[in-house]
Amino acid sequence: MLYPAGVTHTDYNRRILTKQVLVELESGHDAQPSRMLWRGGWSPAPAAEGYFIFVTTETGGALGLAEAVARAGGVNVAEPMLRSWPGNG
């Protein structure tokens, strides 16, 4: 469970860490260096050119995966994906 810093923890602002990382590549780079670094699953992000979704099998593994992919050449951003707590949108 994750909550925004400095606010009261409520069901409304509770987020769950998924096993996915959204990666934006620098212009002109392909996913090959990052794919070689990560042996887990990955796919192009739907309707978002230059973005990929990498997947880990480990609970909580998205944090380490995001850090590792961010260090790879040609990566602008690598952010763990969160989802809302069920029932709060």
Protein backbone atom coordinates (compact mmCIF):
# COMPACT_ATOMS: atom_id res chain seq x y z
CA MET A 1 0.00 0.00 0.00
CA LEU A 2 1.22 3.48 -0.85
CA TYR A 3 -0.14 6.86 0.18
CA PRO A 4 0.79 10.40 -0.87
CA ALA A 5 3.30 11.96 1.51
CA GLY A 6 1.98 14.32 4.18
CA VAL A 7 -1.71 13.43 4.01
CA THR A 8 -4.03 11.37 6.18
CA HIS A 9 -4.22 7.77 4.99
CA THR A 10 -7.70 7.06 3.64
CA ASP A 11 -9.29 4.55 1.30
CA TYR A 12 -9.62 7.36 -1.24
CA ASN A 13 -5.88 8.06 -1.57
CA ARG A 14 -4.62 4.49 -1.03
CA ARG A 15 -2.71 3.04 -3.98
CA ILE A 16 -1.50 -0.47 -4.64
CA LEU A 17 1.87 -1.13 -6.29
CA THR A 18 1.38 -3.30 -9.38
CA LYS A 19 4.01 -5.55 -10.93
CA GLN A 20 4.31 -3.20 -13.92
CA VAL A 21 6.65 -0.35 -14.81
CA LEU A 22 5.86 2.25 -17.47
CA VAL A 23 9.00 3.15 -19.42
CA GLU A 24 9.42 6.12 -21.77
CA LEU A 25 12.34 5.84 -24.13
CA GLU A 26 14.39 8.76 -25.42
CA SER A 27 13.65 9.76 -29.00
CA GLY A 28 15.47 7.52 -31.44
CA HIS A 29 16.04 4.66 -28.98
CA ASP A 30 14.37 1.30 -29.10
CA ALA A 31 13.66 -1.01 -26.21
CA GLN A 32 16.52 -3.40 -26.98
CA PRO A 33 18.98 -2.29 -24.24
CA SER A 34 16.28 -2.33 -21.58
CA ARG A 35 14.80 -5.59 -22.85
CA MET A 36 18.20 -7.21 -22.62
CA LEU A 37 18.57 -5.95 -19.05
CA TRP A 38 15.16 -7.28 -18.06
CA ARG A 39 14.28 -10.89 -18.78
CA GLY A 40 10.69 -10.57 -17.55
CA GLY A 41 7.70 -9.74 -19.68
CA TRP A 42 7.32 -6.50 -21.59
CA SER A 43 5.09 -5.04 -24.29
CA PRO A 44 4.59 -1.74 -26.09
CA ALA A 45 2.18 0.48 -24.18
CA PRO A 46 -1.17 0.66 -25.98
CA ALA A 47 -1.61 3.86 -28.02
CA ALA A 48 1.59 5.45 -26.64
CA GLU A 49 4.49 5.44 -29.09
CA GLY A 50 7.86 5.29 -27.37
CA TYR A 51 6.42 3.79 -24.17
CA PHE A 52 6.70 0.22 -22.96
CA ILE A 53 5.31 -1.73 -20.03
CA PHE A 54 7.76 -4.03 -18.27
CA VAL A 55 6.44 -6.67 -15.88
CA THR A 56 8.04 -8.40 -12.91
CA THR A 57 6.88 -11.61 -11.29
CA GLU A 58 7.96 -10.52 -7.81
CA THR A 59 5.64 -8.80 -5.35
CA GLY A 60 7.15 -5.36 -4.83
CA GLY A 61 9.59 -6.01 -7.66
CA ALA A 62 8.39 -3.02 -9.68
CA LEU A 63 10.44 -0.65 -7.51
CA GLY A 64 13.73 -2.42 -8.22
CA LEU A 65 12.79 -2.95 -11.84
CA ALA A 66 12.07 0.76 -12.33
CA GLU A 67 15.46 1.66 -10.84
CA ALA A 68 17.31 -0.86 -13.02
CA VAL A 69 15.56 0.15 -16.24
CA ALA A 70 16.06 3.87 -15.48
CA ARG A 71 19.83 3.27 -15.40
CA ALA A 72 19.76 1.72 -18.87
CA GLY A 73 20.79 3.97 -21.73
CA GLY A 74 18.09 5.66 -23.75
CA VAL A 75 15.46 5.78 -21.00
CA ASN A 76 13.73 9.07 -20.07
CA VAL A 77 11.44 7.75 -17.36
CA ALA A 78 10.75 4.43 -15.64
CA GLU A 79 7.89 4.62 -13.14
CA PRO A 80 6.23 1.83 -11.17
CA MET A 81 2.54 1.65 -12.02
CA LEU A 82 -0.02 2.06 -9.26
CA ARG A 83 -3.71 1.29 -9.13
CA SER A 84 -6.44 2.68 -6.97
CA TRP A 85 -7.82 0.79 -4.02
CA PRO A 86 -10.90 -1.18 -5.19
CA GLY A 87 -14.00 0.93 -5.01
CA ASN A 88 -12.38 4.38 -5.05
CA GLY A 89 -11.93 4.84 -8.78
